[in-house]
């Protein structure tokens, strides 16, 4: 029994490297909730997560850059669910609007615009969470596929760990 347990408890170093790199230290209970794949495992997933979590910071930085570029101190970069992302400029500063701004909406005392950079970010940001979850599911399935060939050995390892746990519990009670 001891020899079989020792043999079955031997963990392949490749499994350990893959799982340590791919799976988060504290993964969520459900894959559909995200947070299962570790940060740093996949650059595309990290970028999507950064977009989703760093949206507010991007808007602040873009607003500062556009204020400096246009000389319009009260320029605002904002988001709403109906119109998406936009740059709002009051009518008093209409003459200072750069050529690359495209009108998105007209208000009573202001105009809302979008730039190619903001449109690109909007496309990324509005779908980042869904794309991150889809990417995470794909990566998780890739991890499972990579381990599939070793499944009998992994199951033997799991049984051996359960057996050692049972023996430890019995020893503790005794």
C-alpha atoms as a PDB file:
ATOM      1  CA  UNK A   1       0.000   0.000   0.000  1.00  0.00           C
ATOM      2  CA  UNK A   2       2.782   2.445   0.946  1.00  0.00           C
ATOM      3  CA  UNK A   3       4.667   1.818  -2.287  1.00  0.00           C
ATOM      4  CA  UNK A   4       1.519   2.263  -4.389  1.00  0.00           C
ATOM      5  CA  UNK A   5       0.651   5.507  -2.565  1.00  0.00           C
ATOM      6  CA  UNK A   6       4.186   6.822  -3.017  1.00  0.00           C
ATOM      7  CA  UNK A   7       4.072   5.982  -6.733  1.00  0.00           C
ATOM      8  CA  UNK A   8       0.614   7.528  -7.209  1.00  0.00           C
ATOM      9  CA  UNK A   9       1.543  10.662  -5.237  1.00  0.00           C
ATOM     10  CA  UNK A  10       4.355  11.461  -7.660  1.00  0.00           C
ATOM     11  CA  UNK A  11       3.271  14.624  -9.444  1.00  0.00           C
ATOM     12  CA  UNK A  12       4.511  15.317 -12.950  1.00  0.00           C
ATOM     13  CA  UNK A  13       6.524  18.577 -12.962  1.00  0.00           C
ATOM     14  CA  UNK A  14       4.834  19.580 -16.225  1.00  0.00           C
ATOM     15  CA  UNK A  15       1.392  19.468 -14.600  1.00  0.00           C
ATOM     16  CA  UNK A  16       2.637  21.551 -11.739  1.00  0.00           C
ATOM     17  CA  UNK A  17       4.182  24.176 -14.041  1.00  0.00           C
ATOM     18  CA  UNK A  18       1.088  24.348 -16.242  1.00  0.00           C
ATOM     19  CA  UNK A  19      -1.384  24.584 -13.373  1.00  0.00           C
ATOM     20  CA  UNK A  20       0.730  27.068 -11.407  1.00  0.00           C
ATOM     21  CA  UNK A  21       1.046  29.314 -14.468  1.00  0.00           C
ATOM     22  CA  UNK A  22      -2.503  28.973 -15.813  1.00  0.00           C
ATOM     23  CA  UNK A  23      -4.796  28.778 -12.788  1.00  0.00           C
ATOM     24  CA  UNK A  24      -5.239  31.716 -10.401  1.00  0.00           C
ATOM     25  CA  UNK A  25      -4.110  31.216  -6.801  1.00  0.00           C
ATOM     26  CA  UNK A  26      -7.689  31.879  -5.609  1.00  0.00           C
ATOM     27  CA  UNK A  27      -9.892  31.032  -8.627  1.00  0.00           C
ATOM     28  CA  UNK A  28     -13.604  31.735  -8.621  1.00  0.00           C
ATOM     29  CA  UNK A  29     -15.880  28.770  -8.008  1.00  0.00           C
ATOM     30  CA  UNK A  30     -17.455  28.978 -11.470  1.00  0.00           C
ATOM     31  CA  UNK A  31     -15.680  29.470 -14.794  1.00  0.00           C
ATOM     32  CA  UNK A  32     -18.596  31.632 -15.985  1.00  0.00           C
ATOM     33  CA  UNK A  33     -17.706  34.198 -13.279  1.00  0.00           C
ATOM     34  CA  UNK A  34     -14.177  34.664 -14.632  1.00  0.00           C
ATOM     35  CA  UNK A  35     -11.072  34.898 -12.496  1.00  0.00           C
ATOM     36  CA  UNK A  36     -10.020  31.269 -13.017  1.00  0.00           C
ATOM     37  CA  UNK A  37      -7.067  31.911 -15.321  1.00  0.00           C
ATOM     38  CA  UNK A  38      -4.074  33.551 -13.641  1.00  0.00           C
ATOM     39  CA  UNK A  39      -2.933  37.051 -14.508  1.00  0.00           C
ATOM     40  CA  UNK A  40       0.178  36.882 -16.668  1.00  0.00           C
ATOM     41  CA  UNK A  41      -0.734  33.591 -18.336  1.00  0.00           C
ATOM     42  CA  UNK A  42      -2.165  35.170 -21.500  1.00  0.00           C
ATOM     43  CA  UNK A  43      -1.381  38.683 -22.745  1.00  0.00           C
ATOM     44  CA  UNK A  44      -4.685  39.061 -24.622  1.00  0.00           C
ATOM     45  CA  UNK A  45      -6.725  38.120 -21.539  1.00  0.00           C
ATOM     46  CA  UNK A  46      -4.682  40.508 -19.404  1.00  0.00           C
ATOM     47  CA  UNK A  47      -5.307  43.322 -21.908  1.00  0.00           C
ATOM     48  CA  UNK A  48      -9.061  42.662 -21.900  1.00  0.00           C
ATOM     49  CA  UNK A  49      -9.131  42.631 -18.099  1.00  0.00           C
ATOM     50  CA  UNK A  50      -7.102  45.857 -17.999  1.00  0.00           C
ATOM     51  CA  UNK A  51      -9.513  47.534 -20.411  1.00  0.00           C
ATOM     52  CA  UNK A  52     -12.483  46.443 -18.345  1.00  0.00           C
ATOM     53  CA  UNK A  53     -10.963  47.560 -15.038  1.00  0.00           C
ATOM     54  CA  UNK A  54      -9.023  50.599 -16.304  1.00  0.00           C
ATOM     55  CA  UNK A  55     -11.765  52.335 -18.243  1.00  0.00           C
ATOM     56  CA  UNK A  56     -12.103  55.267 -15.830  1.00  0.00           C
ATOM     57  CA  UNK A  57      -8.346  55.877 -15.807  1.00  0.00           C
ATOM     58  CA  UNK A  58      -8.236  55.888 -19.613  1.00  0.00           C
ATOM     59  CA  UNK A  59     -10.990  58.513 -19.743  1.00  0.00           C
ATOM     60  CA  UNK A  60      -9.179  60.750 -17.235  1.00  0.00           C
ATOM     61  CA  UNK A  61      -5.918  60.499 -19.191  1.00  0.00           C
ATOM     62  CA  UNK A  62      -7.641  61.124 -22.534  1.00  0.00           C
ATOM     63  CA  UNK A  63      -9.435  64.154 -21.102  1.00  0.00           C
ATOM     64  CA  UNK A  64      -6.134  65.630 -19.881  1.00  0.00           C
ATOM     65  CA  UNK A  65      -4.446  65.007 -23.251  1.00  0.00           C
ATOM     66  CA  UNK A  66      -7.328  66.492 -25.228  1.00  0.00           C
ATOM     67  CA  UNK A  67      -7.538  69.560 -22.991  1.00  0.00           C
ATOM     68  CA  UNK A  68      -3.835  70.173 -23.544  1.00  0.00           C
ATOM     69  CA  UNK A  69      -4.086  69.526 -27.293  1.00  0.00           C
ATOM     70  CA  UNK A  70      -7.148  71.692 -27.934  1.00  0.00           C
ATOM     71  CA  UNK A  71      -6.694  74.389 -25.301  1.00  0.00           C
ATOM     72  CA  UNK A  72     -10.298  73.849 -24.176  1.00  0.00           C
ATOM     73  CA  UNK A  73     -10.180  73.820 -20.364  1.00  0.00           C
ATOM     74  CA  UNK A  74     -13.774  72.680 -19.837  1.00  0.00           C
ATOM     75  CA  UNK A  75     -13.661  69.805 -22.341  1.00  0.00           C
ATOM     76  CA  UNK A  76     -15.129  66.617 -20.807  1.00  0.00           C
ATOM     77  CA  UNK A  77     -14.638  62.978 -21.780  1.00  0.00           C
ATOM     78  CA  UNK A  78     -17.502  60.872 -20.492  1.00  0.00           C
ATOM     79  CA  UNK A  79     -19.655  57.811 -21.008  1.00  0.00           C
ATOM     80  CA  UNK A  80     -23.362  57.081 -20.837  1.00  0.00           C
ATOM     81  CA  UNK A  81     -25.303  53.944 -21.707  1.00  0.00           C
ATOM     82  CA  UNK A  82     -27.279  55.561 -24.523  1.00  0.00           C
ATOM     83  CA  UNK A  83     -24.541  57.327 -26.490  1.00  0.00           C
ATOM     84  CA  UNK A  84     -21.425  55.497 -25.347  1.00  0.00           C
ATOM     85  CA  UNK A  85     -18.151  57.403 -24.978  1.00  0.00           C
ATOM     86  CA  UNK A  86     -17.924  61.018 -26.096  1.00  0.00           C
ATOM     87  CA  UNK A  87     -16.040  64.278 -25.786  1.00  0.00           C
ATOM     88  CA  UNK A  88     -18.296  67.166 -24.786  1.00  0.00           C
ATOM     89  CA  UNK A  89     -17.427  70.732 -25.786  1.00  0.00           C
ATOM     90  CA  UNK A  90     -19.570  73.766 -25.085  1.00  0.00           C
ATOM     91  CA  UNK A  91     -20.722  75.871 -28.025  1.00  0.00           C
ATOM     92  CA  UNK A  92     -18.500  78.739 -26.814  1.00  0.00           C
ATOM     93  CA  UNK A  93     -15.455  76.684 -27.859  1.00  0.00           C
ATOM     94  CA  UNK A  94     -16.847  75.312 -31.138  1.00  0.00           C
ATOM     95  CA  UNK A  95     -14.191  77.129 -33.166  1.00  0.00           C
ATOM     96  CA  UNK A  96     -11.411  75.243 -31.369  1.00  0.00           C
ATOM     97  CA  UNK A  97     -12.719  71.749 -32.226  1.00  0.00           C
ATOM     98  CA  UNK A  98     -10.004  69.782 -34.083  1.00  0.00           C
ATOM     99  CA  UNK A  99     -10.644  68.343 -37.551  1.00  0.00           C
ATOM    100  CA  UNK A 100     -10.390  64.735 -36.361  1.00  0.00           C
ATOM    101  CA  UNK A 101     -13.408  65.137 -34.043  1.00  0.00           C
ATOM    102  CA  UNK A 102     -16.638  63.689 -35.444  1.00  0.00           C
ATOM    103  CA  UNK A 103     -19.983  65.011 -34.201  1.00  0.00           C
ATOM    104  CA  UNK A 104     -21.936  62.392 -32.255  1.00  0.00           C
ATOM    105  CA  UNK A 105     -24.750  64.384 -30.623  1.00  0.00           C
ATOM    106  CA  UNK A 106     -26.001  67.962 -30.446  1.00  0.00           C
ATOM    107  CA  UNK A 107     -27.162  69.370 -27.119  1.00  0.00           C
ATOM    108  CA  UNK A 108     -28.664  72.740 -26.218  1.00  0.00           C
ATOM    109  CA  UNK A 109     -25.361  74.397 -25.196  1.00  0.00           C
ATOM    110  CA  UNK A 110     -22.807  71.822 -26.310  1.00  0.00           C
ATOM    111  CA  UNK A 111     -21.762  69.273 -28.882  1.00  0.00           C
ATOM    112  CA  UNK A 112     -20.592  65.737 -28.254  1.00  0.00           C
ATOM    113  CA  UNK A 113     -17.850  64.318 -30.413  1.00  0.00           C
ATOM    114  CA  UNK A 114     -15.897  61.136 -30.903  1.00  0.00           C
ATOM    115  CA  UNK A 115     -12.359  60.635 -32.202  1.00  0.00           C
ATOM    116  CA  UNK A 116     -10.878  57.585 -33.919  1.00  0.00           C
ATOM    117  CA  UNK A 117      -8.908  56.805 -30.727  1.00  0.00           C
ATOM    118  CA  UNK A 118     -12.016  57.066 -28.557  1.00  0.00           C
ATOM    119  CA  UNK A 119     -14.060  54.966 -31.010  1.00  0.00           C
ATOM    120  CA  UNK A 120     -11.394  52.240 -30.969  1.00  0.00           C
ATOM    121  CA  UNK A 121     -11.378  52.282 -27.174  1.00  0.00           C
ATOM    122  CA  UNK A 122     -15.183  52.248 -27.078  1.00  0.00           C
ATOM    123  CA  UNK A 123     -15.326  49.173 -29.292  1.00  0.00           C
ATOM    124  CA  UNK A 124     -12.815  47.430 -27.049  1.00  0.00           C
ATOM    125  CA  UNK A 125     -14.296  48.579 -23.734  1.00  0.00           C
ATOM    126  CA  UNK A 126     -17.913  47.762 -24.443  1.00  0.00           C
ATOM    127  CA  UNK A 127     -17.102  44.182 -25.320  1.00  0.00           C
ATOM    128  CA  UNK A 128     -14.053  43.627 -23.091  1.00  0.00           C
ATOM    129  CA  UNK A 129     -15.807  41.717 -20.313  1.00  0.00           C
ATOM    130  CA  UNK A 130     -17.629  39.341 -22.668  1.00  0.00           C
ATOM    131  CA  UNK A 131     -14.501  38.802 -24.728  1.00  0.00           C
ATOM    132  CA  UNK A 132     -12.440  38.234 -21.549  1.00  0.00           C
ATOM    133  CA  UNK A 133     -14.857  35.560 -20.342  1.00  0.00           C
ATOM    134  CA  UNK A 134     -14.827  33.869 -23.749  1.00  0.00           C
ATOM    135  CA  UNK A 135     -11.025  34.017 -23.856  1.00  0.00           C
ATOM    136  CA  UNK A 136     -10.786  32.653 -20.329  1.00  0.00           C
ATOM    137  CA  UNK A 137     -13.063  29.727 -21.228  1.00  0.00           C
ATOM    138  CA  UNK A 138     -10.922  28.977 -24.294  1.00  0.00           C
ATOM    139  CA  UNK A 139      -7.722  29.052 -22.226  1.00  0.00           C
ATOM    140  CA  UNK A 140      -9.258  26.850 -19.530  1.00  0.00           C
ATOM    141  CA  UNK A 141     -10.310  24.319 -22.152  1.00  0.00           C
ATOM    142  CA  UNK A 142      -6.736  24.444 -23.476  1.00  0.00           C
ATOM    143  CA  UNK A 143      -5.408  23.567 -20.006  1.00  0.00           C
ATOM    144  CA  UNK A 144      -7.853  20.665 -19.778  1.00  0.00           C
ATOM    145  CA  UNK A 145      -6.843  19.464 -23.232  1.00  0.00           C
ATOM    146  CA  UNK A 146      -3.162  19.644 -22.303  1.00  0.00           C
ATOM    147  CA  UNK A 147      -3.831  17.465 -19.234  1.00  0.00           C
ATOM    148  CA  UNK A 148      -6.250  15.073 -20.974  1.00  0.00           C
ATOM    149  CA  UNK A 149      -3.609  12.500 -21.952  1.00  0.00           C
ATOM    150  CA  UNK A 150      -2.473  12.221 -18.310  1.00  0.00           C
ATOM    151  CA  UNK A 151      -5.988  11.937 -16.879  1.00  0.00           C
ATOM    152  CA  UNK A 152      -5.573   8.357 -15.542  1.00  0.00           C
ATOM    153  CA  UNK A 153      -2.403   9.408 -13.675  1.00  0.00           C
ATOM    154  CA  UNK A 154      -4.105  12.547 -12.342  1.00  0.00           C
ATOM    155  CA  UNK A 155      -7.053  10.464 -11.120  1.00  0.00           C
ATOM    156  CA  UNK A 156      -4.622   8.071  -9.414  1.00  0.00           C
ATOM    157  CA  UNK A 157      -2.963  11.069  -7.745  1.00  0.00           C
ATOM    158  CA  UNK A 158      -6.364  12.318  -6.539  1.00  0.00           C
ATOM    159  CA  UNK A 159      -7.227   8.884  -5.106  1.00  0.00           C
ATOM    160  CA  UNK A 160      -3.848   8.713  -3.372  1.00  0.00           C
ATOM    161  CA  UNK A 161      -4.327  12.179  -1.833  1.00  0.00           C
ATOM    162  CA  UNK A 162      -7.794  11.145  -0.634  1.00  0.00           C
ATOM    163  CA  UNK A 163      -6.348   7.942   0.840  1.00  0.00           C
ATOM    164  CA  UNK A 164      -3.573   9.839   2.664  1.00  0.00           C
ATOM    165  CA  UNK A 165      -6.166  12.323   3.949  1.00  0.00           C
ATOM    166  CA  UNK A 166      -8.283   9.441   5.271  1.00  0.00           C
ATOM    167  CA  UNK A 167      -5.258   7.871   6.980  1.00  0.00           C
ATOM    168  CA  UNK A 168      -4.294  11.219   8.525  1.00  0.00           C
ATOM    169  CA  UNK A 169      -7.843  11.721   9.834  1.00  0.00           C
ATOM    170  CA  UNK A 170      -7.901   8.237  11.340  1.00  0.00           C
ATOM    171  CA  UNK A 171      -4.480   8.779  12.913  1.00  0.00           C
ATOM    172  CA  UNK A 172      -5.687  12.066  14.372  1.00  0.00           C
ATOM    173  CA  UNK A 173      -8.743  10.385  15.911  1.00  0.00           C
ATOM    174  CA  UNK A 174      -6.661   7.496  17.264  1.00  0.00           C
END
